[in-house]
């Protein structure tokens, strides 16, 4: 069983690495071929991260509020 689990973990890690290299290649192509400024890409990344943080904060607050109304222990 451990051998199968280890192989699965290696496959998952390899798939993750392949997707990261693919994403990096796509961004490099966007910068080199389409002349997209790096500053614009980083600004879009920052906006996406800020929005993600906002969504997570709202979800956490809503979860806390629901738990508080139901009076469940933490």
N, C-alpha and C. Protein backbone atom coordinates (compact mmCIF):
# COMPACT_ATOMS: atom_id res chain seq x y z
N UNK A 1 0.81 -1.20 0.00
CA UNK A 1 0.00 0.00 0.00
C UNK A 1 0.86 1.27 0.00
N UNK A 2 1.96 1.27 0.75
CA UNK A 2 2.79 2.46 0.81
C UNK A 2 3.43 2.78 -0.52
N UNK A 3 3.77 1.74 -1.29
CA UNK A 3 4.39 1.98 -2.59
C UNK A 3 3.40 2.69 -3.51
N UNK A 4 2.16 2.25 -3.50
CA UNK A 4 1.14 2.88 -4.34
C UNK A 4 0.91 4.33 -3.90
N UNK A 5 0.91 4.59 -2.62
CA UNK A 5 0.71 5.94 -2.12
C UNK A 5 1.89 6.83 -2.50
N UNK A 6 3.10 6.30 -2.41
CA UNK A 6 4.29 7.07 -2.77
C UNK A 6 4.28 7.39 -4.27
N UNK A 7 3.89 6.43 -5.09
CA UNK A 7 3.83 6.68 -6.53
C UNK A 7 2.78 7.74 -6.85
N UNK A 8 1.67 7.69 -6.14
CA UNK A 8 0.61 8.68 -6.37
C UNK A 8 1.11 10.08 -6.00
N UNK A 9 1.83 10.17 -4.90
CA UNK A 9 2.36 11.46 -4.47
C UNK A 9 3.37 11.99 -5.48
N UNK A 10 4.20 11.12 -6.02
CA UNK A 10 5.18 11.55 -7.01
C UNK A 10 4.47 12.03 -8.27
N UNK A 11 3.43 11.32 -8.69
CA UNK A 11 2.67 11.74 -9.88
C UNK A 11 2.00 13.09 -9.65
N UNK A 12 1.45 13.29 -8.47
CA UNK A 12 0.79 14.56 -8.18
C UNK A 12 1.81 15.70 -8.17
N UNK A 13 2.97 15.45 -7.59
CA UNK A 13 4.01 16.46 -7.54
C UNK A 13 4.51 16.78 -8.95
N UNK A 14 4.65 15.75 -9.76
CA UNK A 14 5.10 15.95 -11.14
C UNK A 14 4.07 16.74 -11.94
N UNK A 15 2.81 16.45 -11.75
CA UNK A 15 1.76 17.19 -12.44
C UNK A 15 1.75 18.65 -12.00
N UNK A 16 1.96 18.88 -10.72
CA UNK A 16 2.01 20.25 -10.20
C UNK A 16 3.18 21.00 -10.81
N UNK A 17 4.34 20.36 -10.85
CA UNK A 17 5.52 21.01 -11.43
C UNK A 17 5.32 21.29 -12.91
N UNK A 18 4.74 20.34 -13.63
CA UNK A 18 4.50 20.54 -15.06
C UNK A 18 3.54 21.72 -15.29
N UNK A 19 2.51 21.82 -14.47
CA UNK A 19 1.57 22.94 -14.63
C UNK A 19 2.24 24.27 -14.29
N UNK A 20 3.12 24.30 -13.30
CA UNK A 20 3.84 25.53 -12.97
C UNK A 20 4.77 25.95 -14.10
N UNK A 21 5.47 24.98 -14.70
CA UNK A 21 6.35 25.30 -15.83
C UNK A 21 5.53 25.77 -17.03
N UNK A 22 4.38 25.17 -17.26
CA UNK A 22 3.51 25.61 -18.34
C UNK A 22 3.02 27.02 -18.13
N UNK A 23 2.65 27.35 -16.91
CA UNK A 23 2.18 28.69 -16.59
C UNK A 23 3.31 29.71 -16.77
N UNK A 24 4.51 29.36 -16.32
CA UNK A 24 5.65 30.24 -16.48
C UNK A 24 5.98 30.45 -17.96
N UNK A 25 5.88 29.39 -18.75
CA UNK A 25 6.13 29.51 -20.19
C UNK A 25 5.10 30.42 -20.84
N UNK A 26 3.84 30.28 -20.46
CA UNK A 26 2.78 31.13 -21.00
C UNK A 26 3.04 32.59 -20.67
N UNK A 27 3.41 32.88 -19.42
CA UNK A 27 3.69 34.26 -19.03
C UNK A 27 4.90 34.81 -19.76
N UNK A 28 5.92 33.97 -19.95
CA UNK A 28 7.10 34.40 -20.70
C UNK A 28 6.75 34.72 -22.15
N UNK A 29 5.89 33.89 -22.74
CA UNK A 29 5.43 34.17 -24.10
C UNK A 29 4.65 35.47 -24.17
N UNK A 30 3.82 35.71 -23.18
CA UNK A 30 3.04 36.95 -23.15
C UNK A 30 3.96 38.16 -23.08
N UNK A 31 5.02 38.05 -22.31
CA UNK A 31 5.95 39.16 -22.17
C UNK A 31 6.77 39.34 -23.44
N UNK A 32 7.29 38.23 -23.99
CA UNK A 32 8.20 38.32 -25.14
C UNK A 32 7.46 38.59 -26.45
N UNK A 33 6.42 37.84 -26.74
CA UNK A 33 5.79 37.92 -28.04
C UNK A 33 4.77 39.06 -28.11
N UNK A 34 3.91 39.15 -27.11
CA UNK A 34 2.83 40.14 -27.15
C UNK A 34 3.19 41.46 -26.48
N UNK A 35 4.40 41.55 -25.95
CA UNK A 35 4.92 42.78 -25.33
C UNK A 35 4.02 43.29 -24.21
N UNK A 36 3.57 42.36 -23.38
CA UNK A 36 2.78 42.73 -22.20
C UNK A 36 3.76 43.17 -21.12
N UNK A 37 3.58 44.35 -20.56
CA UNK A 37 4.52 44.80 -19.53
C UNK A 37 4.46 43.93 -18.27
N UNK A 38 5.62 43.68 -17.71
CA UNK A 38 5.70 42.88 -16.49
C UNK A 38 4.98 43.59 -15.34
N UNK A 39 5.04 44.90 -15.33
CA UNK A 39 4.36 45.66 -14.27
C UNK A 39 2.85 45.43 -14.32
N UNK A 40 2.31 45.32 -15.52
CA UNK A 40 0.87 45.07 -15.65
C UNK A 40 0.52 43.68 -15.14
N UNK A 41 1.37 42.69 -15.43
CA UNK A 41 1.12 41.33 -14.93
C UNK A 41 1.18 41.28 -13.41
N UNK A 42 2.16 41.96 -12.83
CA UNK A 42 2.27 41.94 -11.36
C UNK A 42 1.12 42.72 -10.73
N UNK A 43 0.68 43.80 -11.38
CA UNK A 43 -0.46 44.55 -10.84
C UNK A 43 -1.71 43.69 -10.86
N UNK A 44 -1.92 42.94 -11.94
CA UNK A 44 -3.07 42.04 -12.00
C UNK A 44 -2.98 40.95 -10.94
N UNK A 45 -1.77 40.45 -10.69
CA UNK A 45 -1.58 39.44 -9.65
C UNK A 45 -1.92 40.00 -8.28
N UNK A 46 -1.49 41.21 -8.01
CA UNK A 46 -1.77 41.84 -6.71
C UNK A 46 -3.28 42.05 -6.54
N UNK A 47 -3.94 42.49 -7.59
CA UNK A 47 -5.39 42.69 -7.52
C UNK A 47 -6.09 41.36 -7.24
N UNK A 48 -5.66 40.29 -7.92
CA UNK A 48 -6.27 38.98 -7.71
C UNK A 48 -6.03 38.50 -6.28
N UNK A 49 -4.84 38.72 -5.74
CA UNK A 49 -4.56 38.29 -4.36
C UNK A 49 -5.36 39.10 -3.35
N UNK A 50 -5.53 40.39 -3.59
CA UNK A 50 -6.32 41.22 -2.68
C UNK A 50 -7.78 40.77 -2.70
N UNK A 51 -8.31 40.52 -3.88
CA UNK A 51 -9.69 40.05 -3.97
C UNK A 51 -9.86 38.69 -3.30
N UNK A 52 -8.88 37.80 -3.47
CA UNK A 52 -8.93 36.51 -2.80
C UNK A 52 -8.94 36.67 -1.28
N UNK A 53 -8.10 37.56 -0.78
CA UNK A 53 -8.06 37.81 0.66
C UNK A 53 -9.40 38.37 1.16
N UNK A 54 -10.00 39.25 0.37
CA UNK A 54 -11.30 39.80 0.76
C UNK A 54 -12.37 38.73 0.81
N UNK A 55 -12.39 37.86 -0.19
CA UNK A 55 -13.38 36.77 -0.22
C UNK A 55 -13.19 35.85 0.97
N UNK A 56 -11.93 35.52 1.28
CA UNK A 56 -11.67 34.64 2.42
C UNK A 56 -12.07 35.29 3.74
N UNK A 57 -11.83 36.59 3.87
CA UNK A 57 -12.23 37.29 5.10
C UNK A 57 -13.75 37.32 5.25
N UNK A 58 -14.45 37.58 4.17
CA UNK A 58 -15.92 37.59 4.23
C UNK A 58 -16.44 36.20 4.57
N UNK A 59 -15.87 35.17 3.96
CA UNK A 59 -16.32 33.80 4.24
C UNK A 59 -16.03 33.42 5.69
N UNK A 60 -14.86 33.79 6.19
CA UNK A 60 -14.53 33.48 7.59
C UNK A 60 -15.45 34.23 8.55
N UNK A 61 -15.74 35.48 8.24
CA UNK A 61 -16.64 36.27 9.09
C UNK A 61 -18.05 35.69 9.08
N UNK A 62 -18.50 35.29 7.91
CA UNK A 62 -19.83 34.70 7.81
C UNK A 62 -19.89 33.37 8.57
N UNK A 63 -18.86 32.57 8.46
CA UNK A 63 -18.81 31.31 9.22
C UNK A 63 -18.80 31.55 10.71
N UNK A 64 -18.04 32.55 11.15
CA UNK A 64 -18.01 32.88 12.57
C UNK A 64 -19.38 33.36 13.03
N UNK A 65 -20.01 34.18 12.20
CA UNK A 65 -21.33 34.71 12.56
C UNK A 65 -22.37 33.60 12.65
N UNK A 66 -22.36 32.67 11.73
CA UNK A 66 -23.29 31.54 11.77
C UNK A 66 -23.04 30.69 13.01
N UNK A 67 -21.76 30.42 13.32
CA UNK A 67 -21.44 29.64 14.51
C UNK A 67 -21.87 30.37 15.78
N UNK A 68 -21.73 31.70 15.79
CA UNK A 68 -22.13 32.48 16.96
C UNK A 68 -23.64 32.42 17.16
N UNK A 69 -24.40 32.50 16.07
CA UNK A 69 -25.86 32.44 16.20
C UNK A 69 -26.34 31.07 16.63
N UNK A 70 -25.66 30.05 16.21
CA UNK A 70 -26.05 28.69 16.60
C UNK A 70 -25.50 28.30 17.97
N UNK A 71 -24.63 29.14 18.50
CA UNK A 71 -24.02 28.95 19.82
C UNK A 71 -23.26 27.63 19.91
N UNK A 72 -22.51 27.37 18.88
CA UNK A 72 -21.65 26.16 18.87
C UNK A 72 -20.32 26.50 19.52
N UNK A 73 -19.75 25.53 20.21
CA UNK A 73 -18.42 25.79 20.78
C UNK A 73 -17.38 25.87 19.66
N UNK A 74 -16.32 26.59 19.95
CA UNK A 74 -15.26 26.78 18.94
C UNK A 74 -14.48 25.51 18.73
